[in-house]
Amino acid sequence: QAVFFFNIKEIINNKFGTPAPVMYDDWSHAIPNQMTGETIPLS
């Protein structure tokens, strides 16, 4: 017989970092699609 206690608080300050660049669609620098004429984000 035993009691198992679990920590159910938020566990904070766990570091992360992207090992390689990841793509992001930046709509603040939108450009026209030369094929369709529609506005698309700058990747």
PDB file of all heavy atoms in Angstrom:
ATOM      1  N   GLN A   1       0.832  -1.187   0.000  1.00  0.00           N
ATOM      2  CA  GLN A   1       0.000   0.000   0.000  1.00  0.00           C
ATOM      3  C   GLN A   1       0.877   1.252   0.000  1.00  0.00           C
ATOM      4  O   GLN A   1       1.887   1.306   0.704  1.00  0.00           O
ATOM      5  CB  GLN A   1      -0.920   0.015   1.218  1.00  0.00           C
ATOM      6  CG  GLN A   1      -1.919  -1.145   1.234  1.00  0.00           C
ATOM      7  CD  GLN A   1      -2.693  -1.203   2.534  1.00  0.00           C
ATOM      8  OE1 GLN A   1      -2.171  -0.883   3.588  1.00  0.00           O
ATOM      9  NE2 GLN A   1      -3.950  -1.640   2.464  1.00  0.00           N
ATOM     10  N   ALA A   2       0.493   2.222  -0.823  1.00  0.00           N
ATOM     11  CA  ALA A   2       1.286   3.452  -0.928  1.00  0.00           C
ATOM     12  C   ALA A   2       0.404   4.571  -1.440  1.00  0.00           C
ATOM     13  O   ALA A   2      -0.627   4.337  -2.088  1.00  0.00           O
ATOM     14  CB  ALA A   2       2.486   3.252  -1.850  1.00  0.00           C
ATOM     15  N   VAL A   3       0.823   5.785  -1.130  1.00  0.00           N
ATOM     16  CA  VAL A   3       0.173   6.973  -1.662  1.00  0.00           C
ATOM     17  C   VAL A   3       1.145   7.624  -2.648  1.00  0.00           C
ATOM     18  O   VAL A   3       2.283   7.923  -2.301  1.00  0.00           O
ATOM     19  CB  VAL A   3      -0.199   7.975  -0.552  1.00  0.00           C
ATOM     20  CG1 VAL A   3      -0.902   9.187  -1.160  1.00  0.00           C
ATOM     21  CG2 VAL A   3      -1.076   7.314   0.495  1.00  0.00           C
ATOM     22  N   PHE A   4       0.682   7.839  -3.877  1.00  0.00           N
ATOM     23  CA  PHE A   4       1.480   8.511  -4.887  1.00  0.00           C
ATOM     24  C   PHE A   4       0.974   9.949  -5.009  1.00  0.00           C
ATOM     25  O   PHE A   4      -0.182  10.186  -5.344  1.00  0.00           O
ATOM     26  CB  PHE A   4       1.379   7.791  -6.232  1.00  0.00           C
ATOM     27  CG  PHE A   4       2.114   6.481  -6.260  1.00  0.00           C
ATOM     28  CD1 PHE A   4       1.496   5.308  -5.829  1.00  0.00           C
ATOM     29  CD2 PHE A   4       3.426   6.408  -6.698  1.00  0.00           C
ATOM     30  CE1 PHE A   4       2.169   4.100  -5.854  1.00  0.00           C
ATOM     31  CE2 PHE A   4       4.110   5.201  -6.736  1.00  0.00           C
ATOM     32  CZ  PHE A   4       3.482   4.040  -6.305  1.00  0.00           C
ATOM     33  N   PHE A   5       1.867  10.869  -4.712  1.00  0.00           N
ATOM     34  CA  PHE A   5       1.531  12.279  -4.796  1.00  0.00           C
ATOM     35  C   PHE A   5       2.003  12.840  -6.142  1.00  0.00           C
ATOM     36  O   PHE A   5       3.149  12.612  -6.547  1.00  0.00           O
ATOM     37  CB  PHE A   5       2.174  13.058  -3.647  1.00  0.00           C
ATOM     38  CG  PHE A   5       1.563  12.785  -2.308  1.00  0.00           C
ATOM     39  CD1 PHE A   5       2.062  11.769  -1.487  1.00  0.00           C
ATOM     40  CD2 PHE A   5       0.490  13.543  -1.855  1.00  0.00           C
ATOM     41  CE1 PHE A   5       1.507  11.517  -0.247  1.00  0.00           C
ATOM     42  CE2 PHE A   5      -0.078  13.289  -0.605  1.00  0.00           C
ATOM     43  CZ  PHE A   5       0.428  12.270   0.194  1.00  0.00           C
ATOM     44  N   PHE A   6       1.122  13.593  -6.809  1.00  0.00           N
ATOM     45  CA  PHE A   6       1.440  14.182  -8.105  1.00  0.00           C
ATOM     46  C   PHE A   6       1.418  15.710  -7.994  1.00  0.00           C
ATOM     47  O   PHE A   6       0.542  16.276  -7.336  1.00  0.00           O
ATOM     48  CB  PHE A   6       0.433  13.731  -9.167  1.00  0.00           C
ATOM     49  CG  PHE A   6       0.482  12.262  -9.446  1.00  0.00           C
ATOM     50  CD1 PHE A   6      -0.229  11.374  -8.651  1.00  0.00           C
ATOM     51  CD2 PHE A   6       1.240  11.770 -10.497  1.00  0.00           C
ATOM     52  CE1 PHE A   6      -0.187  10.013  -8.902  1.00  0.00           C
ATOM     53  CE2 PHE A   6       1.283  10.417 -10.758  1.00  0.00           C
ATOM     54  CZ  PHE A   6       0.576   9.527  -9.955  1.00  0.00           C
ATOM     55  N   ASN A   7       2.368  16.321  -8.646  1.00  0.00           N
ATOM     56  CA  ASN A   7       2.453  17.780  -8.700  1.00  0.00           C
ATOM     57  C   ASN A   7       1.572  18.258  -9.864  1.00  0.00           C
ATOM     58  O   ASN A   7       1.916  18.087 -11.028  1.00  0.00           O
ATOM     59  CB  ASN A   7       3.907  18.204  -8.929  1.00  0.00           C
ATOM     60  CG  ASN A   7       4.105  19.702  -8.792  1.00  0.00           C
ATOM     61  OD1 ASN A   7       3.155  20.471  -8.746  1.00  0.00           O
ATOM     62  ND2 ASN A   7       5.365  20.124  -8.733  1.00  0.00           N
ATOM     63  N   ILE A   8       0.407  18.846  -9.547  1.00  0.00           N
ATOM     64  CA  ILE A   8      -0.519  19.253 -10.612  1.00  0.00           C
ATOM     65  C   ILE A   8      -0.518  20.772 -10.824  1.00  0.00           C
ATOM     66  O   ILE A   8      -1.400  21.305 -11.490  1.00  0.00           O
ATOM     67  CB  ILE A   8      -1.950  18.752 -10.326  1.00  0.00           C
ATOM     68  CG1 ILE A   8      -2.447  19.249  -8.977  1.00  0.00           C
ATOM     69  CG2 ILE A   8      -2.002  17.236 -10.394  1.00  0.00           C
ATOM     70  CD1 ILE A   8      -3.908  18.925  -8.712  1.00  0.00           C
ATOM     71  N   LYS A   9       0.480  21.451 -10.280  1.00  0.00           N
ATOM     72  CA  LYS A   9       0.644  22.877 -10.579  1.00  0.00           C
ATOM     73  C   LYS A   9       1.260  23.028 -11.971  1.00  0.00           C
ATOM     74  O   LYS A   9       1.802  22.078 -12.539  1.00  0.00           O
ATOM     75  CB  LYS A   9       1.565  23.540  -9.545  1.00  0.00           C
ATOM     76  CG  LYS A   9       1.055  23.490  -8.115  1.00  0.00           C
ATOM     77  CD  LYS A   9       1.875  24.388  -7.213  1.00  0.00           C
ATOM     78  CE  LYS A   9       3.340  24.024  -7.219  1.00  0.00           C
ATOM     79  NZ  LYS A   9       3.636  22.745  -6.570  1.00  0.00           N
ATOM     80  N   GLU A  10       1.191  24.252 -12.527  1.00  0.00           N
ATOM     81  CA  GLU A  10       1.874  24.520 -13.785  1.00  0.00           C
ATOM     82  C   GLU A  10       3.381  24.486 -13.551  1.00  0.00           C
ATOM     83  O   GLU A  10       3.897  25.132 -12.635  1.00  0.00           O
ATOM     84  CB  GLU A  10       1.460  25.885 -14.360  1.00  0.00           C
ATOM     85  CG  GLU A  10       0.092  25.888 -15.003  1.00  0.00           C
ATOM     86  CD  GLU A  10      -0.132  27.120 -15.872  1.00  0.00           C
ATOM     87  OE1 GLU A  10       0.637  28.096 -15.727  1.00  0.00           O
ATOM     88  OE2 GLU A  10      -1.058  27.108 -16.687  1.00  0.00           O
ATOM     89  N   ILE A  11       4.071  23.730 -14.383  1.00  0.00           N
ATOM     90  CA  ILE A  11       5.526  23.629 -14.290  1.00  0.00           C
ATOM     91  C   ILE A  11       6.101  24.651 -15.261  1.00  0.00           C
ATOM     92  O   ILE A  11       5.937  24.527 -16.484  1.00  0.00           O
ATOM     93  CB  ILE A  11       6.007  22.203 -14.637  1.00  0.00           C
ATOM     94  CG1 ILE A  11       5.244  21.173 -13.777  1.00  0.00           C
ATOM     95  CG2 ILE A  11       7.496  22.084 -14.434  1.00  0.00           C
ATOM     96  CD1 ILE A  11       5.412  21.345 -12.284  1.00  0.00           C
ATOM     97  N   ILE A  12       6.765  25.663 -14.735  1.00  0.00           N
ATOM     98  CA  ILE A  12       7.154  26.830 -15.533  1.00  0.00           C
ATOM     99  C   ILE A  12       8.636  26.815 -15.912  1.00  0.00           C
ATOM    100  O   ILE A  12       9.412  25.972 -15.448  1.00  0.00           O
ATOM    101  CB  ILE A  12       6.822  28.127 -14.775  1.00  0.00           C
ATOM    102  CG1 ILE A  12       7.622  28.188 -13.463  1.00  0.00           C
ATOM    103  CG2 ILE A  12       5.330  28.202 -14.472  1.00  0.00           C
ATOM    104  CD1 ILE A  12       7.461  29.503 -12.713  1.00  0.00           C
ATOM    105  N   ASN A  13       8.993  27.785 -16.763  1.00  0.00           N
ATOM    106  CA  ASN A  13      10.397  28.058 -17.130  1.00  0.00           C
ATOM    107  C   ASN A  13      11.116  26.860 -17.744  1.00  0.00           C
ATOM    108  O   ASN A  13      12.272  26.575 -17.407  1.00  0.00           O
ATOM    109  CB  ASN A  13      11.179  28.574 -15.918  1.00  0.00           C
ATOM    110  CG  ASN A  13      10.676  29.922 -15.441  1.00  0.00           C
ATOM    111  OD1 ASN A  13      10.199  30.729 -16.239  1.00  0.00           O
ATOM    112  ND2 ASN A  13      10.767  30.163 -14.142  1.00  0.00           N
ATOM    113  N   ASN A  14      10.438  26.170 -18.629  1.00  0.00           N
ATOM    114  CA  ASN A  14      11.074  25.076 -19.364  1.00  0.00           C
ATOM    115  C   ASN A  14      11.531  25.628 -20.718  1.00  0.00           C
ATOM    116  O   ASN A  14      10.720  26.062 -21.524  1.00  0.00           O
ATOM    117  CB  ASN A  14      10.069  23.937 -19.560  1.00  0.00           C
ATOM    118  CG  ASN A  14       9.427  23.522 -18.250  1.00  0.00           C
ATOM    119  OD1 ASN A  14      10.063  22.956 -17.381  1.00  0.00           O
ATOM    120  ND2 ASN A  14       8.136  23.831 -18.102  1.00  0.00           N
ATOM    121  N   LYS A  15      12.806  25.618 -20.949  1.00  0.00           N
ATOM    122  CA  LYS A  15      13.357  26.278 -22.125  1.00  0.00           C
ATOM    123  C   LYS A  15      13.092  25.478 -23.398  1.00  0.00           C
ATOM    124  O   LYS A  15      13.053  24.253 -23.375  1.00  0.00           O
ATOM    125  CB  LYS A  15      14.858  26.502 -21.949  1.00  0.00           C
ATOM    126  CG  LYS A  15      15.193  27.462 -20.815  1.00  0.00           C
ATOM    127  CD  LYS A  15      16.668  27.787 -20.778  1.00  0.00           C
ATOM    128  CE  LYS A  15      16.991  28.742 -19.645  1.00  0.00           C
ATOM    129  NZ  LYS A  15      16.281  30.032 -19.775  1.00  0.00           N
ATOM    130  N   PHE A  16      12.897  26.221 -24.497  1.00  0.00           N
ATOM    131  CA  PHE A  16      12.758  25.585 -25.805  1.00  0.00           C
ATOM    132  C   PHE A  16      13.423  26.475 -26.845  1.00  0.00           C
ATOM    133  O   PHE A  16      13.648  27.672 -26.617  1.00  0.00           O
ATOM    134  CB  PHE A  16      11.285  25.354 -26.168  1.00  0.00           C
ATOM    135  CG  PHE A  16      10.591  26.588 -26.694  1.00  0.00           C
ATOM    136  CD1 PHE A  16      10.555  26.857 -28.059  1.00  0.00           C
ATOM    137  CD2 PHE A  16       9.995  27.491 -25.826  1.00  0.00           C
ATOM    138  CE1 PHE A  16       9.930  27.996 -28.532  1.00  0.00           C
ATOM    139  CE2 PHE A  16       9.375  28.633 -26.295  1.00  0.00           C
ATOM    140  CZ  PHE A  16       9.335  28.889 -27.658  1.00  0.00           C
ATOM    141  N   GLY A  17      13.739  25.889 -27.967  1.00  0.00           N
ATOM    142  CA  GLY A  17      14.323  26.629 -29.076  1.00  0.00           C
ATOM    143  C   GLY A  17      14.198  25.820 -30.351  1.00  0.00           C
ATOM    144  O   GLY A  17      14.288  24.591 -30.328  1.00  0.00           O
ATOM    145  N   THR A  18      13.951  26.501 -31.458  1.00  0.00           N
ATOM    146  CA  THR A  18      13.842  25.800 -32.734  1.00  0.00           C
ATOM    147  C   THR A  18      15.249  25.412 -33.198  1.00  0.00           C
ATOM    148  O   THR A  18      16.094  26.285 -33.376  1.00  0.00           O
ATOM    149  CB  THR A  18      13.172  26.692 -33.792  1.00  0.00           C
ATOM    150  OG1 THR A  18      13.843  27.958 -33.832  1.00  0.00           O
ATOM    151  CG2 THR A  18      11.715  26.922 -33.453  1.00  0.00           C
ATOM    152  N   PRO A  19      15.523  24.128 -33.387  1.00  0.00           N
ATOM    153  CA  PRO A  19      16.871  23.707 -33.791  1.00  0.00           C
ATOM    154  C   PRO A  19      17.248  24.210 -35.176  1.00  0.00           C
ATOM    155  O   PRO A  19      18.422  24.397 -35.478  1.00  0.00           O
ATOM    156  CB  PRO A  19      16.787  22.180 -33.747  1.00  0.00           C
ATOM    157  CG  PRO A  19      15.334  21.862 -33.888  1.00  0.00           C
ATOM    158  CD  PRO A  19      14.597  22.995 -33.251  1.00  0.00           C
ATOM    159  N   ALA A  20      16.259  24.422 -36.036  1.00  0.00           N
ATOM    160  CA  ALA A  20      16.483  24.932 -37.386  1.00  0.00           C
ATOM    161  C   ALA A  20      15.403  25.964 -37.676  1.00  0.00           C
ATOM    162  O   ALA A  20      14.341  25.962 -37.043  1.00  0.00           O
ATOM    163  CB  ALA A  20      16.437  23.792 -38.401  1.00  0.00           C
ATOM    164  N   PRO A  21      15.644  26.886 -38.616  1.00  0.00           N
ATOM    165  CA  PRO A  21      14.619  27.893 -38.944  1.00  0.00           C
ATOM    166  C   PRO A  21      13.315  27.246 -39.403  1.00  0.00           C
ATOM    167  O   PRO A  21      13.327  26.237 -40.117  1.00  0.00           O
ATOM    168  CB  PRO A  21      15.267  28.697 -40.079  1.00  0.00           C
ATOM    169  CG  PRO A  21      16.737  28.496 -39.905  1.00  0.00           C
ATOM    170  CD  PRO A  21      16.892  27.102 -39.385  1.00  0.00           C
ATOM    171  N   VAL A  22      12.192  27.813 -38.968  1.00  0.00           N
ATOM    172  CA  VAL A  22      10.874  27.332 -39.377  1.00  0.00           C
ATOM    173  C   VAL A  22      10.178  28.432 -40.165  1.00  0.00           C
ATOM    174  O   VAL A  22      10.425  29.628 -39.958  1.00  0.00           O
ATOM    175  CB  VAL A  22      10.015  26.924 -38.159  1.00  0.00           C
ATOM    176  CG1 VAL A  22      10.621  25.725 -37.464  1.00  0.00           C
ATOM    177  CG2 VAL A  22       9.865  28.075 -37.175  1.00  0.00           C
ATOM    178  N   MET A  23       9.295  28.041 -41.073  1.00  0.00           N
ATOM    179  CA  MET A  23       8.634  29.018 -41.937  1.00  0.00           C
ATOM    180  C   MET A  23       7.520  29.745 -41.190  1.00  0.00           C
ATOM    181  O   MET A  23       6.816  29.152 -40.376  1.00  0.00           O
ATOM    182  CB  MET A  23       8.061  28.328 -43.179  1.00  0.00           C
ATOM    183  CG  MET A  23       7.585  29.313 -44.240  1.00  0.00           C
ATOM    184  SD  MET A  23       7.026  28.500 -45.755  1.00  0.00           S
ATOM    185  CE  MET A  23       5.426  27.892 -45.221  1.00  0.00           C
ATOM    186  N   TYR A  24       7.393  31.035 -41.483  1.00  0.00           N
ATOM    187  CA  TYR A  24       6.344  31.853 -40.881  1.00  0.00           C
ATOM    188  C   TYR A  24       5.756  32.753 -41.955  1.00  0.00           C
ATOM    189  O   TYR A  24       6.477  33.377 -42.737  1.00  0.00           O
ATOM    190  CB  TYR A  24       6.908  32.708 -39.748  1.00  0.00           C
ATOM    191  CG  TYR A  24       5.848  33.481 -38.988  1.00  0.00           C
ATOM    192  CD1 TYR A  24       5.049  32.841 -38.054  1.00  0.00           C
ATOM    193  CD2 TYR A  24       5.651  34.842 -39.210  1.00  0.00           C
ATOM    194  CE1 TYR A  24       4.071  33.537 -37.359  1.00  0.00           C
ATOM    195  CE2 TYR A  24       4.681  35.545 -38.515  1.00  0.00           C
ATOM    196  CZ  TYR A  24       3.891  34.890 -37.594  1.00  0.00           C
ATOM    197  OH  TYR A  24       2.919  35.569 -36.901  1.00  0.00           O
ATOM    198  N   ASP A  25       4.415  32.803 -42.013  1.00  0.00           N
ATOM    199  CA  ASP A  25       3.720  33.665 -42.978  1.00  0.00           C
ATOM    200  C   ASP A  25       3.504  35.040 -42.365  1.00  0.00           C
ATOM    201  O   ASP A  25       2.688  35.188 -41.444  1.00  0.00           O
ATOM    202  CB  ASP A  25       2.374  33.046 -43.380  1.00  0.00           C
ATOM    203  CG  ASP A  25       2.551  31.820 -44.257  1.00  0.00           C
ATOM    204  OD1 ASP A  25       3.598  31.736 -44.928  1.00  0.00           O
ATOM    205  OD2 ASP A  25       1.663  30.943 -44.261  1.00  0.00           O
ATOM    206  N   ASP A  26       4.246  36.011 -42.869  1.00  0.00           N
ATOM    207  CA  ASP A  26       4.219  37.356 -42.301  1.00  0.00           C
ATOM    208  C   ASP A  26       3.298  38.260 -43.122  1.00  0.00           C
ATOM    209  O   ASP A  26       3.668  38.758 -44.184  1.00  0.00           O
ATOM    210  CB  ASP A  26       5.640  37.927 -42.269  1.00  0.00           C
ATOM    211  CG  ASP A  26       5.706  39.244 -41.536  1.00  0.00           C
ATOM    212  OD1 ASP A  26       4.720  39.579 -40.848  1.00  0.00           O
ATOM    213  OD2 ASP A  26       6.730  39.945 -41.635  1.00  0.00           O
ATOM    214  N   TRP A  27       2.089  38.480 -42.611  1.00  0.00           N
ATOM    215  CA  TRP A  27       1.106  39.307 -43.312  1.00  0.00           C
ATOM    216  C   TRP A  27       1.423  40.791 -43.196  1.00  0.00           C
ATOM    217  O   TRP A  27       0.823  41.606 -43.909  1.00  0.00           O
ATOM    218  CB  TRP A  27      -0.292  39.032 -42.777  1.00  0.00           C
ATOM    219  CG  TRP A  27      -0.909  37.810 -43.376  1.00  0.00           C
ATOM    220  CD1 TRP A  27      -0.931  36.552 -42.835  1.00  0.00           C
ATOM    221  CD2 TRP A  27      -1.579  37.705 -44.633  1.00  0.00           C
ATOM    222  NE1 TRP A  27      -1.556  35.677 -43.677  1.00  0.00           N
ATOM    223  CE2 TRP A  27      -1.977  36.354 -44.790  1.00  0.00           C
ATOM    224  CE3 TRP A  27      -1.877  38.618 -45.644  1.00  0.00           C
ATOM    225  CZ2 TRP A  27      -2.656  35.908 -45.913  1.00  0.00           C
ATOM    226  CZ3 TRP A  27      -2.562  38.166 -46.760  1.00  0.00           C
ATOM    227  CH2 TRP A  27      -2.941  36.831 -46.889  1.00  0.00           C
ATOM    228  N   SER A  28       2.327  41.171 -42.331  1.00  0.00           N
ATOM    229  CA  SER A  28       2.691  42.584 -42.256  1.00  0.00           C
ATOM    230  C   SER A  28       3.547  42.995 -43.449  1.00  0.00           C
ATOM    231  O   SER A  28       3.802  44.177 -43.662  1.00  0.00           O
ATOM    232  CB  SER A  28       3.440  42.874 -40.951  1.00  0.00           C
ATOM    233  OG  SER A  28       4.675  42.186 -40.909  1.00  0.00           O
ATOM    234  N   HIS A  29       4.017  42.007 -44.213  1.00  0.00           N
ATOM    235  CA  HIS A  29       4.752  42.279 -45.448  1.00  0.00           C
ATOM    236  C   HIS A  29       4.074  41.508 -46.587  1.00  0.00           C
ATOM    237  O   HIS A  29       4.662  40.615 -47.190  1.00  0.00           O
ATOM    238  CB  HIS A  29       6.216  41.859 -45.310  1.00  0.00           C
ATOM    239  CG  HIS A  29       6.959  42.608 -44.245  1.00  0.00           C
ATOM    240  ND1 HIS A  29       7.083  42.142 -42.953  1.00  0.00           N
ATOM    241  CD2 HIS A  29       7.586  43.796 -44.277  1.00  0.00           C
ATOM    242  CE1 HIS A  29       7.767  43.018 -42.238  1.00  0.00           C
ATOM    243  NE2 HIS A  29       8.098  44.031 -43.020  1.00  0.00           N
ATOM    244  N   ALA A  30       2.816  41.850 -46.841  1.00  0.00           N
ATOM    245  CA  ALA A  30       2.033  41.147 -47.857  1.00  0.00           C
ATOM    246  C   ALA A  30       2.506  41.529 -49.258  1.00  0.00           C
ATOM    247  O   ALA A  30       2.945  42.655 -49.500  1.00  0.00           O
ATOM    248  CB  ALA A  30       0.553  41.464 -47.694  1.00  0.00           C
ATOM    249  N   ILE A  31       2.402  40.578 -50.175  1.00  0.00           N
ATOM    250  CA  ILE A  31       2.824  40.778 -51.557  1.00  0.00           C
ATOM    251  C   ILE A  31       1.762  40.229 -52.494  1.00  0.00           C
ATOM    252  O   ILE A  31       0.982  39.352 -52.111  1.00  0.00           O
ATOM    253  CB  ILE A  31       4.177  40.093 -51.839  1.00  0.00           C
ATOM    254  CG1 ILE A  31       4.079  38.587 -51.533  1.00  0.00           C
ATOM    255  CG2 ILE A  31       5.297  40.736 -51.040  1.00  0.00           C
ATOM    256  CD1 ILE A  31       5.326  37.805 -51.873  1.00  0.00           C
ATOM    257  N   PRO A  32       1.688  40.714 -53.746  1.00  0.00           N
ATOM    258  CA  PRO A  32       0.711  40.167 -54.694  1.00  0.00           C
ATOM    259  C   PRO A  32       1.202  38.862 -55.302  1.00  0.00           C
ATOM    260  O   PRO A  32       2.391  38.708 -55.600  1.00  0.00           O
ATOM    261  CB  PRO A  32       0.615  41.264 -55.764  1.00  0.00           C
ATOM    262  CG  PRO A  32       1.941  41.947 -55.711  1.00  0.00           C
ATOM    263  CD  PRO A  32       2.392  41.884 -54.284  1.00  0.00           C
ATOM    264  N   ASN A  33       0.286  37.924 -55.456  1.00  0.00           N
ATOM    265  CA  ASN A  33       0.598  36.678 -56.156  1.00  0.00           C
ATOM    266  C   ASN A  33       0.623  36.967 -57.655  1.00  0.00           C
ATOM    267  O   ASN A  33      -0.360  37.395 -58.239  1.00  0.00           O
ATOM    268  CB  ASN A  33      -0.474  35.623 -55.841  1.00  0.00           C
ATOM    269  CG  ASN A  33      -0.133  34.267 -56.414  1.00  0.00           C
ATOM    270  OD1 ASN A  33       0.404  34.148 -57.513  1.00  0.00           O
ATOM    271  ND2 ASN A  33      -0.462  33.225 -55.670  1.00  0.00           N
ATOM    272  N   GLN A  34       1.776  36.752 -58.286  1.00  0.00           N
ATOM    273  CA  GLN A  34       1.929  37.106 -59.692  1.00  0.00           C
ATOM    274  C   GLN A  34       1.072  36.240 -60.605  1.00  0.00           C
ATOM    275  O   GLN A  34       0.794  36.620 -61.743  1.00  0.00           O
ATOM    276  CB  GLN A  34       3.410  36.990 -60.088  1.00  0.00           C
ATOM    277  CG  GLN A  34       4.296  37.986 -59.358  1.00  0.00           C
ATOM    278  CD  GLN A  34       5.740  37.908 -59.799  1.00  0.00           C
ATOM    279  OE1 GLN A  34       6.102  37.071 -60.618  1.00  0.00           O
ATOM    280  NE2 GLN A  34       6.574  38.775 -59.249  1.00  0.00           N
ATOM    281  N   MET A  35       0.639  35.081 -60.133  1.00  0.00           N
ATOM    282  CA  MET A  35      -0.193  34.202 -60.944  1.00  0.00           C
ATOM    283  C   MET A  35      -1.667  34.573 -60.847  1.00  0.00           C
ATOM    284  O   MET A  35      -2.375  34.608 -61.847  1.00  0.00           O
ATOM    285  CB  MET A  35       0.003  32.747 -60.512  1.00  0.00           C
ATOM    286  CG  MET A  35       1.433  32.237 -60.675  1.00  0.00           C
ATOM    287  SD  MET A  35       1.929  32.138 -62.407  1.00  0.00           S
ATOM    288  CE  MET A  35       0.855  30.821 -62.968  1.00  0.00           C
ATOM    289  N   THR A  36      -2.139  34.847 -59.621  1.00  0.00           N
ATOM    290  CA  THR A  36      -3.572  35.092 -59.409  1.00  0.00           C
ATOM    291  C   THR A  36      -3.907  36.547 -59.129  1.00  0.00           C
ATOM    292  O   THR A  36      -5.060  36.941 -59.215  1.00  0.00           O
ATOM    293  CB  THR A  36      -4.079  34.241 -58.234  1.00  0.00           C
ATOM    294  OG1 THR A  36      -3.424  34.666 -57.016  1.00  0.00           O
ATOM    295  CG2 THR A  36      -3.780  32.762 -58.466  1.00  0.00           C
ATOM    296  N   GLY A  37      -2.912  37.329 -58.732  1.00  0.00           N
ATOM    297  CA  GLY A  37      -3.164  38.719 -58.371  1.00  0.00           C
ATOM    298  C   GLY A  37      -3.640  38.897 -56.944  1.00  0.00           C
ATOM    299  O   GLY A  37      -3.799  40.024 -56.479  1.00  0.00           O
ATOM    300  N   GLU A  38      -3.876  37.798 -56.218  1.00  0.00           N
ATOM    301  CA  GLU A  38      -4.319  37.880 -54.829  1.00  0.00           C
ATOM    302  C   GLU A  38      -3.157  38.277 -53.925  1.00  0.00           C
ATOM    303  O   GLU A  38      -1.994  38.047 -54.234  1.00  0.00           O
ATOM    304  CB  GLU A  38      -4.891  36.540 -54.371  1.00  0.00           C
ATOM    305  CG  GLU A  38      -6.132  36.105 -55.127  1.00  0.00           C
ATOM    306  CD  GLU A  38      -6.626  34.742 -54.684  1.00  0.00           C
ATOM    307  OE1 GLU A  38      -5.877  34.050 -53.960  1.00  0.00           O
ATOM    308  OE2 GLU A  38      -7.745  34.387 -55.060  1.00  0.00           O
ATOM    309  N   THR A  39      -3.497  38.869 -52.798  1.00  0.00           N
ATOM    310  CA  THR A  39      -2.481  39.243 -51.825  1.00  0.00           C
ATOM    311  C   THR A  39      -2.133  38.043 -50.961  1.00  0.00           C
ATOM    312  O   THR A  39      -3.015  37.363 -50.437  1.00  0.00           O
ATOM    313  CB  THR A  39      -2.981  40.396 -50.931  1.00  0.00           C
ATOM    314  OG1 THR A  39      -3.306  41.510 -51.763  1.00  0.00           O
ATOM    315  CG2 THR A  39      -1.908  40.810 -49.935  1.00  0.00           C
ATOM    316  N   ILE A  40      -0.856  37.782 -50.810  1.00  0.00           N
ATOM    317  CA  ILE A  40      -0.380  36.657 -50.006  1.00  0.00           C
ATOM    318  C   ILE A  40       0.685  37.148 -49.040  1.00  0.00           C
ATOM    319  O   ILE A  40       1.302  38.192 -49.266  1.00  0.00           O
ATOM    320  CB  ILE A  40       0.194  35.533 -50.901  1.00  0.00           C
ATOM    321  CG1 ILE A  40       1.360  36.069 -51.743  1.00  0.00           C
ATOM    322  CG2 ILE A  40      -0.886  34.934 -51.782  1.00  0.00           C
ATOM    323  CD1 ILE A  40       2.070  34.998 -52.554  1.00  0.00           C
ATOM    324  N   PRO A  41       0.907  36.408 -47.938  1.00  0.00           N
ATOM    325  CA  PRO A  41       1.928  36.845 -46.984  1.00  0.00           C
ATOM    326  C   PRO A  41       3.333  36.567 -47.516  1.00  0.00           C
ATOM    327  O   PRO A  41       3.524  35.711 -48.373  1.00  0.00           O
ATOM    328  CB  PRO A  41       1.633  36.000 -45.742  1.00  0.00           C
ATOM    329  CG  PRO A  41       1.015  34.756 -46.290  1.00  0.00           C
ATOM    330  CD  PRO A  41       0.217  35.186 -47.481  1.00  0.00           C
ATOM    331  N   LEU A  42       4.281  37.289 -46.978  1.00  0.00           N
ATOM    332  CA  LEU A  42       5.680  37.048 -47.302  1.00  0.00           C
ATOM    333  C   LEU A  42       6.166  35.894 -46.417  1.00  0.00           C
ATOM    334  O   LEU A  42       6.091  35.961 -45.189  1.00  0.00           O
ATOM    335  CB  LEU A  42       6.515  38.301 -47.030  1.00  0.00           C
ATOM    336  CG  LEU A  42       7.993  38.232 -47.381  1.00  0.00           C
ATOM    337  CD1 LEU A  42       8.171  38.155 -48.895  1.00  0.00           C
ATOM    338  CD2 LEU A  42       8.738  39.449 -46.836  1.00  0.00           C
ATOM    339  N   SER A  43       6.627  34.827 -47.034  1.00  0.00           N
ATOM    340  CA  SER A  43       7.105  33.665 -46.273  1.00  0.00           C
ATOM    341  C   SER A  43       8.548  33.892 -45.846  1.00  0.00           C
ATOM    342  O   SER A  43       9.421  34.129 -46.686  1.00  0.00           O
ATOM    343  CB  SER A  43       7.003  32.394 -47.126  1.00  0.00           C
ATOM    344  OG  SER A  43       5.650  32.083 -47.392  1.00  0.00           O
TER     345      SER A  43
END
